[in-house]
Amino acid sequence: MDEPNAATSTVCGGVPGALEMPPRTTTVPVFTYQTINHGVEPEDNALGGENAGCGSCHAALTGGPARMVMKDLGYGLRTAPSAVIGTRVTTLNGNLDAICGQCHSNKTEGRAFGSVHNRHVQDKKKDCAACHNFTRPERALSLSRN
């Protein structure tokens, strides 16, 4: 694997831009934006399975994090006051019990991220701002308790 913008390539043995091009053809630099799902493996093999870590797929990242830190990407639990309409819980401070207590009687079982997120966002159409410090208004989701 070559480093970005390498002067030479160990993969093709040539120099970037030294490819045969049709007459009167030029190359231009292009930026691509890739979402975090590019080349993501199924759950059983995600991040290298038994050899978890970014370096299991990206050689330049050996020793990288075993999992993405979603909080660092802006997806941490809500620290701002509650945005849920009709709740008696107003102070959240990133506390999972307080966040769940906005609508529930502080159940502590069944809190696996995948099932909670699917149940609240996909099934019940609850707005991100109920649990996070951001909203997705284009989705027209609800901030009601029920």
C-alpha atoms as a PDB file:
ATOM      1  CA  MET A   1       0.000   0.000   0.000  1.00  0.00           C
ATOM      2  CA  ASP A   2       1.355   3.409  -0.945  1.00  0.00           C
ATOM      3  CA  GLU A   3       1.248   6.488   1.238  1.00  0.00           C
ATOM      4  CA  PRO A   4      -1.049   9.279  -0.047  1.00  0.00           C
ATOM      5  CA  ASN A   5       0.727  11.527  -2.602  1.00  0.00           C
ATOM      6  CA  ALA A   6       3.748   9.202  -2.769  1.00  0.00           C
ATOM      7  CA  ALA A   7       6.363  10.238  -5.346  1.00  0.00           C
ATOM      8  CA  THR A   8       6.544   6.663  -6.625  1.00  0.00           C
ATOM      9  CA  SER A   9       4.313   3.660  -6.352  1.00  0.00           C
ATOM     10  CA  THR A  10       5.254   0.244  -5.038  1.00  0.00           C
ATOM     11  CA  VAL A  11       2.029  -1.080  -6.514  1.00  0.00           C
ATOM     12  CA  CYS A  12       2.509  -0.176 -10.188  1.00  0.00           C
ATOM     13  CA  GLY A  13       6.227   0.645 -10.178  1.00  0.00           C
ATOM     14  CA  GLY A  14       5.662   3.904 -12.046  1.00  0.00           C
ATOM     15  CA  VAL A  15       5.483   7.598 -11.304  1.00  0.00           C
ATOM     16  CA  PRO A  16       2.045   9.178 -10.764  1.00  0.00           C
ATOM     17  CA  GLY A  17       0.926  10.878 -13.981  1.00  0.00           C
ATOM     18  CA  ALA A  18       3.367   8.937 -16.177  1.00  0.00           C
ATOM     19  CA  LEU A  19       0.655   6.769 -17.704  1.00  0.00           C
ATOM     20  CA  GLU A  20      -0.008   6.666 -21.430  1.00  0.00           C
ATOM     21  CA  MET A  21      -2.805   9.076 -22.175  1.00  0.00           C
ATOM     22  CA  PRO A  22      -4.715   9.604 -25.413  1.00  0.00           C
ATOM     23  CA  PRO A  23      -3.548  12.682 -27.402  1.00  0.00           C
ATOM     24  CA  ARG A  24      -4.909  16.055 -26.162  1.00  0.00           C
ATOM     25  CA  THR A  25      -5.946  14.496 -22.826  1.00  0.00           C
ATOM     26  CA  THR A  26      -4.986  15.988 -19.506  1.00  0.00           C
ATOM     27  CA  THR A  27      -5.427  14.868 -15.938  1.00  0.00           C
ATOM     28  CA  VAL A  28      -6.830  17.032 -13.183  1.00  0.00           C
ATOM     29  CA  PRO A  29      -6.654  16.552  -9.415  1.00  0.00           C
ATOM     30  CA  VAL A  30      -9.924  15.268  -7.996  1.00  0.00           C
ATOM     31  CA  PHE A  31     -11.120  15.071  -4.405  1.00  0.00           C
ATOM     32  CA  THR A  32     -13.395  12.226  -3.373  1.00  0.00           C
ATOM     33  CA  TYR A  33     -15.457  12.081  -0.236  1.00  0.00           C
ATOM     34  CA  GLN A  34     -16.062   8.653   1.218  1.00  0.00           C
ATOM     35  CA  THR A  35     -18.523   7.995   3.978  1.00  0.00           C
ATOM     36  CA  ILE A  36     -17.438   5.884   6.911  1.00  0.00           C
ATOM     37  CA  ASN A  37     -19.090   2.859   5.309  1.00  0.00           C
ATOM     38  CA  HIS A  38     -16.662   2.403   2.406  1.00  0.00           C
ATOM     39  CA  GLY A  39     -15.631  -1.223   2.274  1.00  0.00           C
ATOM     40  CA  VAL A  40     -17.149  -2.028   5.653  1.00  0.00           C
ATOM     41  CA  GLU A  41     -17.361  -5.743   6.345  1.00  0.00           C
ATOM     42  CA  PRO A  42     -20.374  -7.605   7.791  1.00  0.00           C
ATOM     43  CA  GLU A  43     -20.710  -7.346  11.577  1.00  0.00           C
ATOM     44  CA  ASP A  44     -19.006 -10.701  12.271  1.00  0.00           C
ATOM     45  CA  ASN A  45     -15.875  -9.520  10.471  1.00  0.00           C
ATOM     46  CA  ALA A  46     -16.084  -5.770  11.092  1.00  0.00           C
ATOM     47  CA  LEU A  47     -12.751  -4.169  11.926  1.00  0.00           C
ATOM     48  CA  GLY A  48     -10.936  -7.426  11.271  1.00  0.00           C
ATOM     49  CA  GLY A  49     -13.059  -9.768  13.382  1.00  0.00           C
ATOM     50  CA  GLU A  50     -10.667 -11.476  15.808  1.00  0.00           C
ATOM     51  CA  ASN A  51      -7.877  -9.083  14.750  1.00  0.00           C
ATOM     52  CA  ALA A  52      -9.946  -5.992  15.551  1.00  0.00           C
ATOM     53  CA  GLY A  53      -8.517  -2.619  14.680  1.00  0.00           C
ATOM     54  CA  CYS A  54      -8.304  -0.199  11.761  1.00  0.00           C
ATOM     55  CA  GLY A  55      -4.866  -1.594  10.947  1.00  0.00           C
ATOM     56  CA  SER A  56      -6.411  -4.926  10.017  1.00  0.00           C
ATOM     57  CA  CYS A  57      -7.505  -3.286   6.743  1.00  0.00           C
ATOM     58  CA  HIS A  58      -5.402  -0.109   6.599  1.00  0.00           C
ATOM     59  CA  ALA A  59      -1.717  -0.996   6.914  1.00  0.00           C
ATOM     60  CA  ALA A  60      -0.756   2.606   7.742  1.00  0.00           C
ATOM     61  CA  LEU A  61      -3.043   2.497  10.794  1.00  0.00           C
ATOM     62  CA  THR A  62      -1.601  -0.447  12.711  1.00  0.00           C
ATOM     63  CA  GLY A  63      -2.321  -0.111  16.372  1.00  0.00           C
ATOM     64  CA  GLY A  64      -5.328   2.094  15.633  1.00  0.00           C
ATOM     65  CA  PRO A  65      -8.509   2.106  17.695  1.00  0.00           C
ATOM     66  CA  ALA A  66     -10.389  -1.177  17.984  1.00  0.00           C
ATOM     67  CA  ARG A  67     -13.665   0.688  17.486  1.00  0.00           C
ATOM     68  CA  MET A  68     -14.612   4.146  16.311  1.00  0.00           C
ATOM     69  CA  VAL A  69     -15.200   6.572  19.164  1.00  0.00           C
ATOM     70  CA  MET A  70     -18.660   7.796  18.205  1.00  0.00           C
ATOM     71  CA  LYS A  71     -18.539  10.539  20.844  1.00  0.00           C
ATOM     72  CA  ASP A  72     -15.536  12.056  19.059  1.00  0.00           C
ATOM     73  CA  LEU A  73     -17.561  12.070  15.828  1.00  0.00           C
ATOM     74  CA  GLY A  74     -20.356  14.109  17.469  1.00  0.00           C
ATOM     75  CA  TYR A  75     -22.635  11.217  18.423  1.00  0.00           C
ATOM     76  CA  GLY A  76     -22.165  11.338  22.185  1.00  0.00           C
ATOM     77  CA  LEU A  77     -25.069  11.236  24.626  1.00  0.00           C
ATOM     78  CA  ARG A  78     -26.994  14.459  25.174  1.00  0.00           C
ATOM     79  CA  THR A  79     -25.391  16.852  27.646  1.00  0.00           C
ATOM     80  CA  ALA A  80     -27.741  19.763  26.922  1.00  0.00           C
ATOM     81  CA  PRO A  81     -31.084  20.065  28.762  1.00  0.00           C
ATOM     82  CA  SER A  82     -33.863  17.768  27.590  1.00  0.00           C
ATOM     83  CA  ALA A  83     -35.603  18.585  24.308  1.00  0.00           C
ATOM     84  CA  VAL A  84     -38.345  15.978  24.820  1.00  0.00           C
ATOM     85  CA  ILE A  85     -41.823  17.511  24.978  1.00  0.00           C
ATOM     86  CA  GLY A  86     -43.708  16.773  28.212  1.00  0.00           C
ATOM     87  CA  THR A  87     -40.870  15.174  30.154  1.00  0.00           C
ATOM     88  CA  ARG A  88     -40.251  15.773  33.838  1.00  0.00           C
ATOM     89  CA  VAL A  89     -36.539  15.023  33.432  1.00  0.00           C
ATOM     90  CA  THR A  90     -34.708  18.170  32.391  1.00  0.00           C
ATOM     91  CA  THR A  91     -31.047  17.698  33.359  1.00  0.00           C
ATOM     92  CA  LEU A  92     -29.298  15.031  31.285  1.00  0.00           C
ATOM     93  CA  ASN A  93     -25.522  15.695  31.391  1.00  0.00           C
ATOM     94  CA  GLY A  94     -24.795  12.671  29.190  1.00  0.00           C
ATOM     95  CA  ASN A  95     -26.256  10.304  31.804  1.00  0.00           C
ATOM     96  CA  LEU A  96     -27.886   7.296  30.122  1.00  0.00           C
ATOM     97  CA  ASP A  97     -30.349   6.735  32.996  1.00  0.00           C
ATOM     98  CA  ALA A  98     -31.513  10.358  32.782  1.00  0.00           C
ATOM     99  CA  ILE A  99     -31.762  10.208  28.977  1.00  0.00           C
ATOM    100  CA  CYS A 100     -33.862   7.029  29.045  1.00  0.00           C
ATOM    101  CA  GLY A 101     -35.853   8.421  32.002  1.00  0.00           C
ATOM    102  CA  GLN A 102     -37.181  11.242  29.803  1.00  0.00           C
ATOM    103  CA  CYS A 103     -39.751   8.772  28.461  1.00  0.00           C
ATOM    104  CA  HIS A 104     -39.277   5.493  30.361  1.00  0.00           C
ATOM    105  CA  SER A 105     -39.399   4.346  33.970  1.00  0.00           C
ATOM    106  CA  ASN A 106     -35.618   3.916  33.956  1.00  0.00           C
ATOM    107  CA  LYS A 107     -35.566   0.409  32.542  1.00  0.00           C
ATOM    108  CA  THR A 108     -31.958  -0.741  32.455  1.00  0.00           C
ATOM    109  CA  GLU A 109     -32.330  -3.923  30.432  1.00  0.00           C
ATOM    110  CA  GLY A 110     -32.493  -4.077  26.643  1.00  0.00           C
ATOM    111  CA  ARG A 111     -30.131  -1.148  26.076  1.00  0.00           C
ATOM    112  CA  ALA A 112     -27.980  -2.648  23.313  1.00  0.00           C
ATOM    113  CA  PHE A 113     -27.221   0.240  20.962  1.00  0.00           C
ATOM    114  CA  GLY A 114     -28.469  -1.387  17.748  1.00  0.00           C
ATOM    115  CA  SER A 115     -31.851  -2.446  19.071  1.00  0.00           C
ATOM    116  CA  VAL A 116     -32.419   0.812  20.994  1.00  0.00           C
ATOM    117  CA  HIS A 117     -31.515   2.957  17.992  1.00  0.00           C
ATOM    118  CA  ASN A 118     -33.662   0.941  15.558  1.00  0.00           C
ATOM    119  CA  ARG A 119     -36.621   0.880  17.950  1.00  0.00           C
ATOM    120  CA  HIS A 120     -36.537   4.624  18.640  1.00  0.00           C
ATOM    121  CA  VAL A 121     -35.498   6.100  15.283  1.00  0.00           C
ATOM    122  CA  GLN A 122     -36.773   3.672  12.669  1.00  0.00           C
ATOM    123  CA  ASP A 123     -39.845   2.252  14.420  1.00  0.00           C
ATOM    124  CA  LYS A 124     -41.013   5.075  16.728  1.00  0.00           C
ATOM    125  CA  LYS A 125     -39.629   7.966  14.598  1.00  0.00           C
ATOM    126  CA  LYS A 126     -37.982   9.755  17.544  1.00  0.00           C
ATOM    127  CA  ASP A 127     -35.707  12.723  16.847  1.00  0.00           C
ATOM    128  CA  CYS A 128     -31.949  12.414  17.433  1.00  0.00           C
ATOM    129  CA  ALA A 129     -32.123  15.366  19.866  1.00  0.00           C
ATOM    130  CA  ALA A 130     -33.913  13.198  22.435  1.00  0.00           C
ATOM    131  CA  CYS A 131     -30.604  11.411  23.091  1.00  0.00           C
ATOM    132  CA  HIS A 132     -27.943  13.495  21.323  1.00  0.00           C
ATOM    133  CA  ASN A 133     -26.911  17.169  21.058  1.00  0.00           C
ATOM    134  CA  PHE A 134     -28.017  17.411  17.419  1.00  0.00           C
ATOM    135  CA  THR A 135     -31.164  17.019  15.369  1.00  0.00           C
ATOM    136  CA  ARG A 136     -32.002  15.930  11.820  1.00  0.00           C
ATOM    137  CA  PRO A 137     -34.928  18.234  10.909  1.00  0.00           C
ATOM    138  CA  GLU A 138     -35.019  16.899   7.339  1.00  0.00           C
ATOM    139  CA  ARG A 139     -36.300  13.599   8.745  1.00  0.00           C
ATOM    140  CA  ALA A 140     -39.341  15.226  10.424  1.00  0.00           C
ATOM    141  CA  LEU A 141     -38.944  13.074  13.538  1.00  0.00           C
ATOM    142  CA  SER A 142     -40.789  13.574  16.836  1.00  0.00           C
ATOM    143  CA  LEU A 143     -39.668  14.819  20.246  1.00  0.00           C
ATOM    144  CA  SER A 144     -42.876  13.737  22.022  1.00  0.00           C
ATOM    145  CA  ARG A 145     -42.695  11.313  24.965  1.00  0.00           C
ATOM    146  CA  ASN A 146     -44.960   8.725  23.349  1.00  0.00           C
END
